[in-house]
Amino acid sequence: GADLESAIDLANRAAGIVVNKFGTATVTTEELASALHPVARKILSADSIGHLDAQRSNGARLVFTNGCFGILAAGHVAYLNNAKKMGDILLVAVNSDASVTELKGSERPINVLQDRMSVLAGLEAVDYVISFDSATPLSLIEQIRPDVLVKGGDYAPEDIVGATQVQSSGGLVKVLPFVEGLSTTAIVEKAHAAGLKEIK
């Protein structure tokens, strides 16, 4: 029932999805909706997390990382690009506003959860974004059992939350270095030093 131009556009998007699959394949309504709204489709809820299973059943390797991502900095982008290189699908779990406040103090987060997730979803390296309410993403890791668990910083792999669970499922745990001075905290401190007191 669409006009010719819209129908052709839709058919081309569907064809683009199908040719990336092995053998004879079809396209689902969900896949087509994702192609039409690329940023929104990257944001998962607890109910839609099963969407990952179909991709993993075709051999895709799932990489999981997490953080607050209060102000997205160049260091975050470099870190996420490197994390994506560890597999095929990069899932970023983001602390809820309440858990950020619990971890960082009453002046945080600077940006609300939906904004933080939308910015992350706009990055090419990030395939999916999901939020979690607790201080750590352990329950999410136990549910998903990623193939690779990645954390930035100077952790020992065995000290990373969820490492035991991932390794017991045959997965890998990787530690990637952060780019110094480009964290949210560093940006806020620099703003304060410059006299921008309204930035908390």
N, C-alpha and C. Protein backbone atom coordinates (compact mmCIF):
# COMPACT_ATOMS: atom_id res chain seq x y z
N GLY A 1 0.79 -1.22 0.00
CA GLY A 1 0.00 0.00 0.00
C GLY A 1 0.83 1.27 0.00
N ALA A 2 2.14 1.14 0.05
CA ALA A 2 3.00 2.33 0.06
C ALA A 2 3.18 2.86 -1.35
N ASP A 3 3.67 4.12 -1.45
CA ASP A 3 3.98 4.65 -2.77
C ASP A 3 5.23 3.95 -3.31
N LEU A 4 5.44 4.08 -4.60
CA LEU A 4 6.52 3.34 -5.26
C LEU A 4 7.89 3.61 -4.66
N GLU A 5 8.21 4.88 -4.40
CA GLU A 5 9.53 5.21 -3.86
C GLU A 5 9.75 4.59 -2.49
N SER A 6 8.73 4.65 -1.62
CA SER A 6 8.85 4.06 -0.28
C SER A 6 8.98 2.54 -0.35
N ALA A 7 8.22 1.94 -1.25
CA ALA A 7 8.25 0.48 -1.40
C ALA A 7 9.62 0.00 -1.88
N ILE A 8 10.22 0.75 -2.81
CA ILE A 8 11.55 0.40 -3.32
C ILE A 8 12.60 0.55 -2.22
N ASP A 9 12.49 1.62 -1.44
CA ASP A 9 13.43 1.84 -0.33
C ASP A 9 13.34 0.70 0.68
N LEU A 10 12.12 0.30 1.02
CA LEU A 10 11.91 -0.78 1.98
C LEU A 10 12.47 -2.10 1.45
N ALA A 11 12.21 -2.36 0.16
CA ALA A 11 12.69 -3.60 -0.46
C ALA A 11 14.22 -3.66 -0.48
N ASN A 12 14.86 -2.52 -0.73
CA ASN A 12 16.32 -2.47 -0.74
C ASN A 12 16.90 -2.72 0.64
N ARG A 13 16.26 -2.15 1.67
CA ARG A 13 16.72 -2.38 3.03
C ARG A 13 16.56 -3.84 3.42
N ALA A 14 15.45 -4.44 3.02
CA ALA A 14 15.22 -5.86 3.31
C ALA A 14 16.26 -6.72 2.61
N ALA A 15 16.55 -6.39 1.35
CA ALA A 15 17.55 -7.15 0.59
C ALA A 15 18.92 -7.03 1.24
N GLY A 16 19.25 -5.84 1.76
CA GLY A 16 20.54 -5.63 2.41
C GLY A 16 20.70 -6.49 3.65
N ILE A 17 19.59 -6.74 4.35
CA ILE A 17 19.63 -7.61 5.52
C ILE A 17 19.82 -9.06 5.11
N VAL A 18 19.06 -9.49 4.12
CA VAL A 18 19.07 -10.89 3.69
C VAL A 18 20.43 -11.33 3.14
N VAL A 19 21.07 -10.46 2.37
CA VAL A 19 22.34 -10.87 1.76
C VAL A 19 23.46 -11.03 2.78
N ASN A 20 23.24 -10.55 4.00
CA ASN A 20 24.24 -10.74 5.05
C ASN A 20 24.04 -12.03 5.82
N LYS A 21 23.05 -12.83 5.43
CA LYS A 21 22.78 -14.10 6.09
C LYS A 21 23.31 -15.25 5.24
N PHE A 22 23.52 -16.39 5.90
CA PHE A 22 24.00 -17.56 5.20
C PHE A 22 22.84 -18.29 4.52
N GLY A 23 23.07 -18.74 3.28
CA GLY A 23 22.08 -19.57 2.59
C GLY A 23 20.80 -18.81 2.27
N THR A 24 19.75 -19.57 2.00
CA THR A 24 18.45 -18.98 1.71
C THR A 24 17.86 -18.44 3.01
N ALA A 25 17.45 -17.18 3.01
CA ALA A 25 17.00 -16.56 4.25
C ALA A 25 15.85 -15.59 4.00
N THR A 26 15.18 -15.23 5.07
CA THR A 26 14.12 -14.24 5.02
C THR A 26 14.46 -13.08 5.96
N VAL A 27 13.68 -12.04 5.91
CA VAL A 27 13.86 -10.90 6.80
C VAL A 27 12.63 -10.79 7.70
N THR A 28 12.87 -10.54 8.98
CA THR A 28 11.76 -10.42 9.93
C THR A 28 11.32 -8.96 10.04
N THR A 29 10.13 -8.76 10.58
CA THR A 29 9.61 -7.41 10.80
C THR A 29 10.53 -6.64 11.74
N GLU A 30 11.03 -7.33 12.79
CA GLU A 30 11.92 -6.68 13.75
C GLU A 30 13.22 -6.22 13.09
N GLU A 31 13.78 -7.05 12.23
CA GLU A 31 15.02 -6.69 11.54
C GLU A 31 14.81 -5.48 10.64
N LEU A 32 13.67 -5.44 9.97
CA LEU A 32 13.37 -4.33 9.07
C LEU A 32 13.14 -3.04 9.86
N ALA A 33 12.45 -3.15 10.99
CA ALA A 33 12.23 -1.99 11.84
C ALA A 33 13.56 -1.45 12.37
N SER A 34 14.48 -2.36 12.69
CA SER A 34 15.81 -1.96 13.17
C SER A 34 16.58 -1.20 12.10
N ALA A 35 16.44 -1.65 10.86
CA ALA A 35 17.14 -1.00 9.75
C ALA A 35 16.59 0.41 9.51
N LEU A 36 15.31 0.60 9.77
CA LEU A 36 14.68 1.91 9.56
C LEU A 36 14.98 2.88 10.70
N HIS A 37 15.20 2.35 11.89
CA HIS A 37 15.48 3.19 13.07
C HIS A 37 16.73 2.67 13.77
N PRO A 38 17.91 2.90 13.19
CA PRO A 38 19.14 2.26 13.67
C PRO A 38 19.55 2.57 15.10
N VAL A 39 19.32 3.80 15.58
CA VAL A 39 19.73 4.12 16.95
C VAL A 39 18.77 3.52 17.96
N ALA A 40 17.47 3.72 17.73
CA ALA A 40 16.46 3.21 18.67
C ALA A 40 16.52 1.70 18.79
N ARG A 41 16.79 1.01 17.71
CA ARG A 41 16.80 -0.45 17.75
C ARG A 41 18.00 -1.00 18.53
N LYS A 42 19.00 -0.16 18.78
CA LYS A 42 20.16 -0.63 19.53
C LYS A 42 19.91 -0.67 21.03
N ILE A 43 18.88 0.02 21.49
CA ILE A 43 18.60 0.09 22.93
C ILE A 43 17.69 -1.06 23.31
N LEU A 44 18.22 -1.98 24.10
CA LEU A 44 17.48 -3.18 24.50
C LEU A 44 16.87 -3.01 25.88
N SER A 45 15.78 -3.72 26.09
CA SER A 45 15.18 -3.84 27.42
C SER A 45 15.40 -5.26 27.90
N ALA A 46 15.07 -5.53 29.14
CA ALA A 46 15.22 -6.89 29.67
C ALA A 46 14.37 -7.87 28.87
N ASP A 47 13.24 -7.41 28.35
CA ASP A 47 12.33 -8.28 27.60
C ASP A 47 12.84 -8.59 26.20
N SER A 48 13.69 -7.72 25.66
CA SER A 48 14.13 -7.90 24.27
C SER A 48 15.54 -8.47 24.17
N ILE A 49 16.09 -8.87 25.30
CA ILE A 49 17.48 -9.35 25.31
C ILE A 49 17.65 -10.67 24.55
N GLY A 50 16.54 -11.41 24.43
CA GLY A 50 16.59 -12.66 23.66
C GLY A 50 16.91 -12.45 22.20
N HIS A 51 16.81 -11.19 21.76
CA HIS A 51 17.14 -10.83 20.38
C HIS A 51 18.58 -11.21 20.04
N LEU A 52 19.42 -11.25 21.06
CA LEU A 52 20.83 -11.58 20.84
C LEU A 52 21.04 -13.06 20.54
N ASP A 53 20.15 -13.90 21.04
CA ASP A 53 20.32 -15.34 20.92
C ASP A 53 20.35 -15.80 19.47
N ALA A 54 19.49 -15.21 18.64
CA ALA A 54 19.43 -15.61 17.24
C ALA A 54 20.74 -15.33 16.53
N GLN A 55 21.33 -14.18 16.83
CA GLN A 55 22.61 -13.83 16.20
C GLN A 55 23.73 -14.74 16.70
N ARG A 56 23.72 -15.04 17.98
CA ARG A 56 24.77 -15.90 18.54
C ARG A 56 24.62 -17.33 18.05
N SER A 57 23.40 -17.75 17.77
CA SER A 57 23.19 -19.12 17.27
C SER A 57 23.79 -19.29 15.88
N ASN A 58 24.02 -18.17 15.19
CA ASN A 58 24.66 -18.22 13.87
C ASN A 58 26.18 -18.06 13.97
N GLY A 59 26.69 -18.12 15.21
CA GLY A 59 28.14 -18.09 15.39
C GLY A 59 28.73 -16.74 15.76
N ALA A 60 27.89 -15.72 15.93
CA ALA A 60 28.41 -14.39 16.29
C ALA A 60 28.94 -14.40 17.73
N ARG A 61 30.06 -13.74 17.93
CA ARG A 61 30.71 -13.69 19.24
C ARG A 61 30.29 -12.41 19.96
N LEU A 62 29.71 -12.55 21.15
CA LEU A 62 29.19 -11.42 21.91
C LEU A 62 30.22 -10.88 22.90
N VAL A 63 30.51 -9.59 22.80
CA VAL A 63 31.42 -8.90 23.71
C VAL A 63 30.57 -8.02 24.63
N PHE A 64 30.86 -8.08 25.92
CA PHE A 64 30.11 -7.32 26.93
C PHE A 64 31.04 -6.39 27.68
N THR A 65 30.61 -5.14 27.85
CA THR A 65 31.32 -4.23 28.72
C THR A 65 30.29 -3.34 29.42
N ASN A 66 30.71 -2.62 30.42
CA ASN A 66 29.77 -1.80 31.18
C ASN A 66 30.43 -0.57 31.74
N GLY A 67 29.60 0.40 32.14
CA GLY A 67 30.12 1.62 32.75
C GLY A 67 29.02 2.64 32.94
N CYS A 68 29.39 3.78 33.51
CA CYS A 68 28.43 4.87 33.73
C CYS A 68 28.31 5.77 32.50
N PHE A 69 29.45 6.05 31.85
CA PHE A 69 29.50 6.86 30.64
C PHE A 69 28.75 8.18 30.84
N GLY A 70 29.13 8.90 31.91
CA GLY A 70 28.45 10.14 32.27
C GLY A 70 28.56 11.23 31.22
N ILE A 71 29.77 11.48 30.75
CA ILE A 71 30.02 12.36 29.60
C ILE A 71 30.90 11.55 28.66
N LEU A 72 30.43 11.27 27.48
CA LEU A 72 31.20 10.44 26.57
C LEU A 72 32.43 11.21 26.09
N ALA A 73 33.60 10.65 26.34
CA ALA A 73 34.87 11.30 25.99
C ALA A 73 35.60 10.49 24.93
N ALA A 74 36.65 11.09 24.39
CA ALA A 74 37.44 10.41 23.36
C ALA A 74 38.01 9.09 23.88
N GLY A 75 38.36 9.07 25.16
CA GLY A 75 38.88 7.84 25.75
C GLY A 75 37.85 6.73 25.74
N HIS A 76 36.59 7.08 26.00
CA HIS A 76 35.52 6.09 25.94
C HIS A 76 35.38 5.52 24.53
N VAL A 77 35.41 6.40 23.55
CA VAL A 77 35.24 5.97 22.15
C VAL A 77 36.36 5.02 21.74
N ALA A 78 37.60 5.37 22.10
CA ALA A 78 38.74 4.51 21.77
C ALA A 78 38.60 3.16 22.45
N TYR A 79 38.19 3.18 23.70
CA TYR A 79 37.99 1.95 24.47
C TYR A 79 36.92 1.07 23.83
N LEU A 80 35.80 1.65 23.45
CA LEU A 80 34.71 0.87 22.85
C LEU A 80 35.09 0.34 21.47
N ASN A 81 35.85 1.11 20.71
CA ASN A 81 36.33 0.62 19.41
C ASN A 81 37.21 -0.61 19.60
N ASN A 82 38.08 -0.57 20.62
CA ASN A 82 38.95 -1.71 20.89
C ASN A 82 38.17 -2.91 21.41
N ALA A 83 37.15 -2.64 22.22
CA ALA A 83 36.31 -3.72 22.73
C ALA A 83 35.60 -4.44 21.59
N LYS A 84 35.11 -3.68 20.63
CA LYS A 84 34.39 -4.27 19.50
C LYS A 84 35.29 -5.23 18.70
N LYS A 85 36.58 -4.95 18.67
CA LYS A 85 37.51 -5.79 17.93
C LYS A 85 37.64 -7.19 18.53
N MET A 86 37.14 -7.37 19.76
CA MET A 86 37.24 -8.66 20.45
C MET A 86 36.18 -9.66 19.97
N GLY A 87 35.23 -9.20 19.18
CA GLY A 87 34.17 -10.11 18.74
C GLY A 87 33.34 -9.52 17.63
N ASP A 88 32.10 -9.99 17.52
CA ASP A 88 31.21 -9.57 16.43
C ASP A 88 30.13 -8.60 16.89
N ILE A 89 29.64 -8.78 18.11
CA ILE A 89 28.57 -7.95 18.66
C ILE A 89 29.06 -7.32 19.95
N LEU A 90 28.96 -5.99 20.05
CA LEU A 90 29.35 -5.31 21.28
C LEU A 90 28.10 -4.82 22.01
N LEU A 91 27.89 -5.36 23.21
CA LEU A 91 26.78 -4.95 24.07
C LEU A 91 27.35 -4.12 25.22
N VAL A 92 26.85 -2.90 25.38
CA VAL A 92 27.31 -2.01 26.45
C VAL A 92 26.20 -1.89 27.49
N ALA A 93 26.51 -2.28 28.72
CA ALA A 93 25.56 -2.15 29.82
C ALA A 93 25.85 -0.85 30.56
N VAL A 94 24.81 -0.07 30.83
CA VAL A 94 24.97 1.27 31.39
C VAL A 94 24.28 1.35 32.75
N ASN A 95 24.98 1.89 33.74
CA ASN A 95 24.40 2.09 35.06
C ASN A 95 23.19 3.02 35.00
N SER A 96 22.14 2.67 35.70
CA SER A 96 20.98 3.56 35.82
C SER A 96 21.38 4.82 36.57
N ASP A 97 20.52 5.83 36.52
CA ASP A 97 20.81 7.08 37.23
C ASP A 97 21.00 6.84 38.72
N ALA A 98 20.13 6.01 39.30
CA ALA A 98 20.23 5.75 40.75
C ALA A 98 21.54 5.06 41.11
N SER A 99 21.98 4.12 40.28
CA SER A 99 23.22 3.42 40.62
C SER A 99 24.44 4.30 40.40
N VAL A 100 24.37 5.24 39.45
CA VAL A 100 25.47 6.19 39.27
C VAL A 100 25.58 7.08 40.50
N THR A 101 24.45 7.57 40.99
CA THR A 101 24.45 8.40 42.19
C THR A 101 25.03 7.65 43.37
N GLU A 102 24.67 6.38 43.48
CA GLU A 102 25.18 5.55 44.57
C GLU A 102 26.69 5.40 44.49
N LEU A 103 27.19 5.24 43.27
CA LEU A 103 28.63 5.03 43.09
C LEU A 103 29.44 6.32 43.10
N LYS A 104 28.90 7.38 42.52
CA LYS A 104 29.68 8.60 42.27
C LYS A 104 29.31 9.79 43.15
N GLY A 105 28.17 9.72 43.83
CA GLY A 105 27.77 10.84 44.67
C GLY A 105 26.55 11.57 44.14
N SER A 106 26.02 12.46 44.95
CA SER A 106 24.75 13.11 44.66
C SER A 106 24.77 14.04 43.46
N GLU A 107 25.96 14.48 43.04
CA GLU A 107 26.05 15.39 41.90
C GLU A 107 26.08 14.66 40.56
N ARG A 108 26.07 13.38 40.59
CA ARG A 108 26.10 12.57 39.37
C ARG A 108 24.85 11.71 39.28
N PRO A 109 24.38 11.34 38.07
CA PRO A 109 25.04 11.56 36.78
C PRO A 109 24.79 12.97 36.24
N ILE A 110 25.64 13.38 35.34
CA ILE A 110 25.48 14.67 34.69
C ILE A 110 24.39 14.56 33.62
N ASN A 111 24.43 13.49 32.86
CA ASN A 111 23.41 13.22 31.84
C ASN A 111 22.53 12.06 32.29
N VAL A 112 21.24 12.17 32.03
CA VAL A 112 20.30 11.12 32.45
C VAL A 112 20.50 9.86 31.60
N LEU A 113 19.99 8.75 32.10
CA LEU A 113 20.20 7.45 31.49
C LEU A 113 19.84 7.42 30.01
N GLN A 114 18.65 7.90 29.65
CA GLN A 114 18.22 7.81 28.25
C GLN A 114 19.17 8.56 27.32
N ASP A 115 19.66 9.71 27.78
CA ASP A 115 20.62 10.46 26.96
C ASP A 115 21.94 9.71 26.83
N ARG A 116 22.42 9.14 27.94
CA ARG A 116 23.68 8.39 27.89
C ARG A 116 23.57 7.18 26.96
N MET A 117 22.44 6.50 27.01
CA MET A 117 22.24 5.33 26.16
C MET A 117 22.13 5.73 24.69
N SER A 118 21.44 6.83 24.41
CA SER A 118 21.27 7.28 23.03
C SER A 118 22.61 7.66 22.39
N VAL A 119 23.45 8.34 23.17
CA VAL A 119 24.77 8.73 22.65
C VAL A 119 25.61 7.49 22.35
N LEU A 120 25.61 6.53 23.26
CA LEU A 120 26.35 5.29 23.04
C LEU A 120 25.82 4.53 21.82
N ALA A 121 24.50 4.49 21.68
CA ALA A 121 23.89 3.78 20.56
C ALA A 121 24.23 4.42 19.23
N GLY A 122 24.59 5.70 19.26
CA GLY A 122 24.96 6.39 18.03
C GLY A 122 26.37 6.07 17.55
N LEU A 123 27.15 5.38 18.37
CA LEU A 123 28.52 5.01 17.96
C LEU A 123 28.50 3.78 17.06
N GLU A 124 29.31 3.82 16.04
CA GLU A 124 29.36 2.71 15.08
C GLU A 124 29.80 1.41 15.74
N ALA A 125 30.73 1.49 16.69
CA ALA A 125 31.27 0.27 17.31
C ALA A 125 30.25 -0.42 18.21
N VAL A 126 29.28 0.32 18.71
CA VAL A 126 28.32 -0.23 19.66
C VAL A 126 27.12 -0.83 18.92
N ASP A 127 26.87 -2.11 19.17
CA ASP A 127 25.74 -2.77 18.52
C ASP A 127 24.46 -2.68 19.34
N TYR A 128 24.60 -2.81 20.67
CA TYR A 128 23.43 -2.75 21.54
C TYR A 128 23.80 -2.10 22.87
N VAL A 129 22.79 -1.47 23.49
CA VAL A 129 22.95 -0.85 24.79
C VAL A 129 21.81 -1.32 25.68
N ILE A 130 22.13 -1.59 26.95
CA ILE A 130 21.11 -2.00 27.91
C ILE A 130 21.46 -1.38 29.25
N SER A 131 20.47 -1.12 30.09
CA SER A 131 20.74 -0.52 31.40
C SER A 131 20.59 -1.56 32.50
N PHE A 132 21.19 -1.23 33.66
CA PHE A 132 21.02 -2.09 34.84
C PHE A 132 20.96 -1.20 36.08
N ASP A 133 20.22 -1.64 37.10
CA ASP A 133 19.93 -0.81 38.25
C ASP A 133 20.87 -1.01 39.44
N SER A 134 21.49 -2.17 39.53
CA SER A 134 22.34 -2.45 40.69
C SER A 134 23.72 -1.82 40.52
N ALA A 135 24.53 -1.91 41.57
CA ALA A 135 25.87 -1.32 41.53
C ALA A 135 26.76 -2.01 40.50
N THR A 136 26.54 -3.29 40.28
CA THR A 136 27.32 -4.05 39.30
C THR A 136 26.38 -4.76 38.33
N PRO A 137 26.89 -5.15 37.17
CA PRO A 137 26.06 -5.84 36.18
C PRO A 137 26.08 -7.36 36.32
N LEU A 138 26.38 -7.87 37.51
CA LEU A 138 26.57 -9.31 37.69
C LEU A 138 25.36 -10.12 37.24
N SER A 139 24.17 -9.73 37.65
CA SER A 139 22.99 -10.52 37.27
C SER A 139 22.78 -10.52 35.76
N LEU A 140 23.10 -9.41 35.13
CA LEU A 140 22.98 -9.32 33.67
C LEU A 140 24.01 -10.23 32.99
N ILE A 141 25.21 -10.24 33.51
CA ILE A 141 26.26 -11.11 32.97
C ILE A 141 25.87 -12.58 33.14
N GLU A 142 25.32 -12.92 34.29
CA GLU A 142 24.88 -14.30 34.52
C GLU A 142 23.78 -14.71 33.56
N GLN A 143 22.92 -13.78 33.23
CA GLN A 143 21.83 -14.07 32.30
C GLN A 143 22.32 -14.21 30.87
N ILE A 144 23.21 -13.32 30.47
CA ILE A 144 23.66 -13.28 29.07
C ILE A 144 24.80 -14.26 28.78
N ARG A 145 25.69 -14.43 29.74
CA ARG A 145 26.89 -15.27 29.56
C ARG A 145 27.63 -14.89 28.27
N PRO A 146 28.20 -13.69 28.22
CA PRO A 146 28.90 -13.24 27.00
C PRO A 146 30.10 -14.11 26.68
N ASP A 147 30.49 -14.07 25.42
CA ASP A 147 31.68 -14.82 24.99
C ASP A 147 32.95 -14.12 25.46
N VAL A 148 32.89 -12.80 25.52
CA VAL A 148 34.05 -12.01 25.97
C VAL A 148 33.55 -10.92 26.92
N LEU A 149 34.16 -10.84 28.09
CA LEU A 149 33.88 -9.78 29.05
C LEU A 149 35.06 -8.83 29.05
N VAL A 150 34.80 -7.54 28.76
CA VAL A 150 35.87 -6.56 28.64
C VAL A 150 35.67 -5.47 29.69
N LYS A 151 36.77 -5.07 30.32
CA LYS A 151 36.73 -3.97 31.29
C LYS A 151 37.95 -3.09 31.06
N GLY A 152 37.75 -1.80 31.24
CA GLY A 152 38.87 -0.87 31.07
C GLY A 152 39.49 -0.51 32.40
N GLY A 153 40.79 -0.29 32.40
CA GLY A 153 41.47 0.12 33.63
C GLY A 153 42.65 -0.76 33.94
N ASP A 154 42.98 -0.86 35.23
CA ASP A 154 44.16 -1.64 35.65
C ASP A 154 43.75 -2.84 36.51
N TYR A 155 42.58 -3.39 36.22
CA TYR A 155 42.10 -4.56 36.95
C TYR A 155 42.95 -5.79 36.64
N ALA A 156 43.01 -6.71 37.59
CA ALA A 156 43.43 -8.07 37.29
C ALA A 156 42.17 -8.77 36.78
N PRO A 157 42.27 -9.59 35.75
CA PRO A 157 41.06 -10.22 35.19
C PRO A 157 40.19 -10.91 36.23
N GLU A 158 40.82 -11.55 37.22
CA GLU A 158 40.05 -12.29 38.22
C GLU A 158 39.28 -11.36 39.18
N ASP A 159 39.61 -10.06 39.18
CA ASP A 159 38.93 -9.11 40.05
C ASP A 159 37.73 -8.44 39.38
N ILE A 160 37.51 -8.73 38.11
CA ILE A 160 36.41 -8.11 37.38
C ILE A 160 35.10 -8.81 37.72
N VAL A 161 34.08 -8.02 38.00
CA VAL A 161 32.75 -8.57 38.30
C VAL A 161 32.26 -9.41 37.11
N GLY A 162 31.88 -10.64 37.40
CA GLY A 162 31.36 -11.53 36.36
C GLY A 162 32.40 -12.40 35.69
N ALA A 163 33.68 -12.18 36.03
CA ALA A 163 34.75 -12.94 35.38
C ALA A 163 34.60 -14.44 35.60
N THR A 164 34.31 -14.84 36.82
CA THR A 164 34.17 -16.26 37.13
C THR A 164 33.05 -16.89 36.32
N GLN A 165 31.92 -16.19 36.23
CA GLN A 165 30.77 -16.71 35.50
C GLN A 165 31.07 -16.85 34.00
N VAL A 166 31.74 -15.87 33.44
CA VAL A 166 32.06 -15.91 32.01
C VAL A 166 33.06 -17.03 31.72
N GLN A 167 34.09 -17.12 32.54
CA GLN A 167 35.11 -18.14 32.32
C GLN A 167 34.55 -19.55 32.52
N SER A 168 33.61 -19.71 33.45
CA SER A 168 33.02 -21.03 33.68
C SER A 168 32.17 -21.49 32.50
N SER A 169 31.76 -20.52 31.66
CA SER A 169 30.99 -20.85 30.46
C SER A 169 31.88 -20.96 29.23
N GLY A 170 33.19 -20.89 29.44
CA GLY A 170 34.13 -20.99 28.32
C GLY A 170 34.47 -19.67 27.68
N GLY A 171 34.04 -18.55 28.29
CA GLY A 171 34.32 -17.23 27.73
C GLY A 171 35.65 -16.67 28.17
N LEU A 172 36.00 -15.52 27.59
CA LEU A 172 37.27 -14.86 27.87
C LEU A 172 37.04 -13.57 28.63
N VAL A 173 38.02 -13.18 29.44
CA VAL A 173 37.98 -11.91 30.17
C VAL A 173 39.20 -11.10 29.74
N LYS A 174 38.95 -9.86 29.26
CA LYS A 174 40.02 -9.01 28.76
C LYS A 174 40.02 -7.66 29.47
N VAL A 175 41.21 -7.15 29.73
CA VAL A 175 41.37 -5.82 30.33
C VAL A 175 42.03 -4.92 29.30
N LEU A 176 41.37 -3.78 29.01
CA LEU A 176 41.91 -2.81 28.05
C LEU A 176 42.29 -1.54 28.79
N PRO A 177 43.38 -0.90 28.40
CA PRO A 177 43.80 0.34 29.07
C PRO A 177 42.90 1.51 28.71
N PHE A 178 42.66 2.40 29.67
CA PHE A 178 41.95 3.64 29.41
C PHE A 178 42.93 4.68 28.86
N VAL A 179 42.40 5.64 28.11
CA VAL A 179 43.21 6.79 27.70
C VAL A 179 43.22 7.77 28.87
N GLU A 180 44.38 8.08 29.40
CA GLU A 180 44.49 8.91 30.59
C GLU A 180 43.91 10.31 30.38
N GLY A 181 43.23 10.80 31.40
CA GLY A 181 42.75 12.18 31.40
C GLY A 181 41.51 12.44 30.58
N LEU A 182 40.92 11.39 30.01
CA LEU A 182 39.75 11.60 29.16
C LEU A 182 38.50 10.93 29.72
N SER A 183 38.45 10.74 31.02
CA SER A 183 37.27 10.18 31.67
C SER A 183 36.28 11.28 31.99
N THR A 184 35.05 10.90 32.36
CA THR A 184 34.06 11.88 32.79
C THR A 184 34.57 12.69 33.96
N THR A 185 35.17 12.01 34.95
CA THR A 185 35.68 12.70 36.13
C THR A 185 36.73 13.73 35.75
N ALA A 186 37.63 13.36 34.83
CA ALA A 186 38.68 14.29 34.41
C ALA A 186 38.09 15.51 33.72
N ILE A 187 37.04 15.31 32.92
CA ILE A 187 36.39 16.43 32.23
C ILE A 187 35.72 17.37 33.24
N VAL A 188 35.03 16.79 34.22
CA VAL A 188 34.36 17.60 35.24
C VAL A 188 35.39 18.39 36.05
N GLU A 189 36.49 17.74 36.43
CA GLU A 189 37.52 18.43 37.21
C GLU A 189 38.16 19.57 36.41
N LYS A 190 38.34 19.35 35.13
CA LYS A 190 38.91 20.40 34.28
C LYS A 190 37.95 21.57 34.17
N ALA A 191 36.65 21.27 34.06
CA ALA A 191 35.64 22.32 33.98
C ALA A 191 35.61 23.14 35.27
N HIS A 192 35.69 22.46 36.41
CA HIS A 192 35.72 23.15 37.70
C HIS A 192 36.95 24.05 37.80
N ALA A 193 38.08 23.53 37.35
CA ALA A 193 39.33 24.29 37.41
C ALA A 193 39.25 25.55 36.55
N ALA A 194 38.46 25.45 35.48
CA ALA A 194 38.32 26.61 34.59
C ALA A 194 37.28 27.61 35.09
N GLY A 195 36.65 27.27 36.23
CA GLY A 195 35.69 28.19 36.84
C GLY A 195 34.26 27.99 36.41
N LEU A 196 33.97 26.86 35.73
CA LEU A 196 32.60 26.57 35.29
C LEU A 196 31.87 25.86 36.42
N LYS A 197 31.53 26.60 37.45
CA LYS A 197 30.97 26.03 38.67
C LYS A 197 29.61 25.39 38.46
N GLU A 198 28.90 25.81 37.38
CA GLU A 198 27.57 25.25 37.18
C GLU A 198 27.60 23.81 36.70
N ILE A 199 28.76 23.36 36.25
CA ILE A 199 28.90 21.98 35.81
C ILE A 199 29.23 21.13 37.03
N LYS A 200 28.35 20.27 37.40
CA LYS A 200 28.52 19.46 38.61
C LYS A 200 29.02 18.07 38.24
